[in-house]
Amino acid sequence: MSRKELYENKLQMDYFSDDYIRFEEDFQKYSAMDVPLTFLIDDVLRTMAINQKNYFKLNKENTKDGRDHYFYFEVYSKAESRVFNYSRHKINFK
């Protein structure tokens, strides 16, 4: 079984919550990528799950301001799924 199959339909986000809307707004504010967040979210969730992280980094090469941006999530279990709720955004000043 591939990693993709292992996490398929087991990683979720509440796309209609205020937290997700805030995440979407924060992401669009800093992202210089032409790809809409909707097309990236499955990969983002899978990467966080595989690496056992509650955040993902939008690297400086893909941001409007040339700085690394971190997006943090609260993660909890629900039935056989993991649910990610957006928590906060942080800029790395290194």
Foldseek 3Di string as FASTA:
>chain_A
DDLLVVQPPQEEEDCPDPQNVVVQVVCVQWFQDPDRVVVCVSVVRSVCVVVVHQKDWDALVGTPVSWIKIWGWDWDHDDRHIYTGTDDMDTDPD
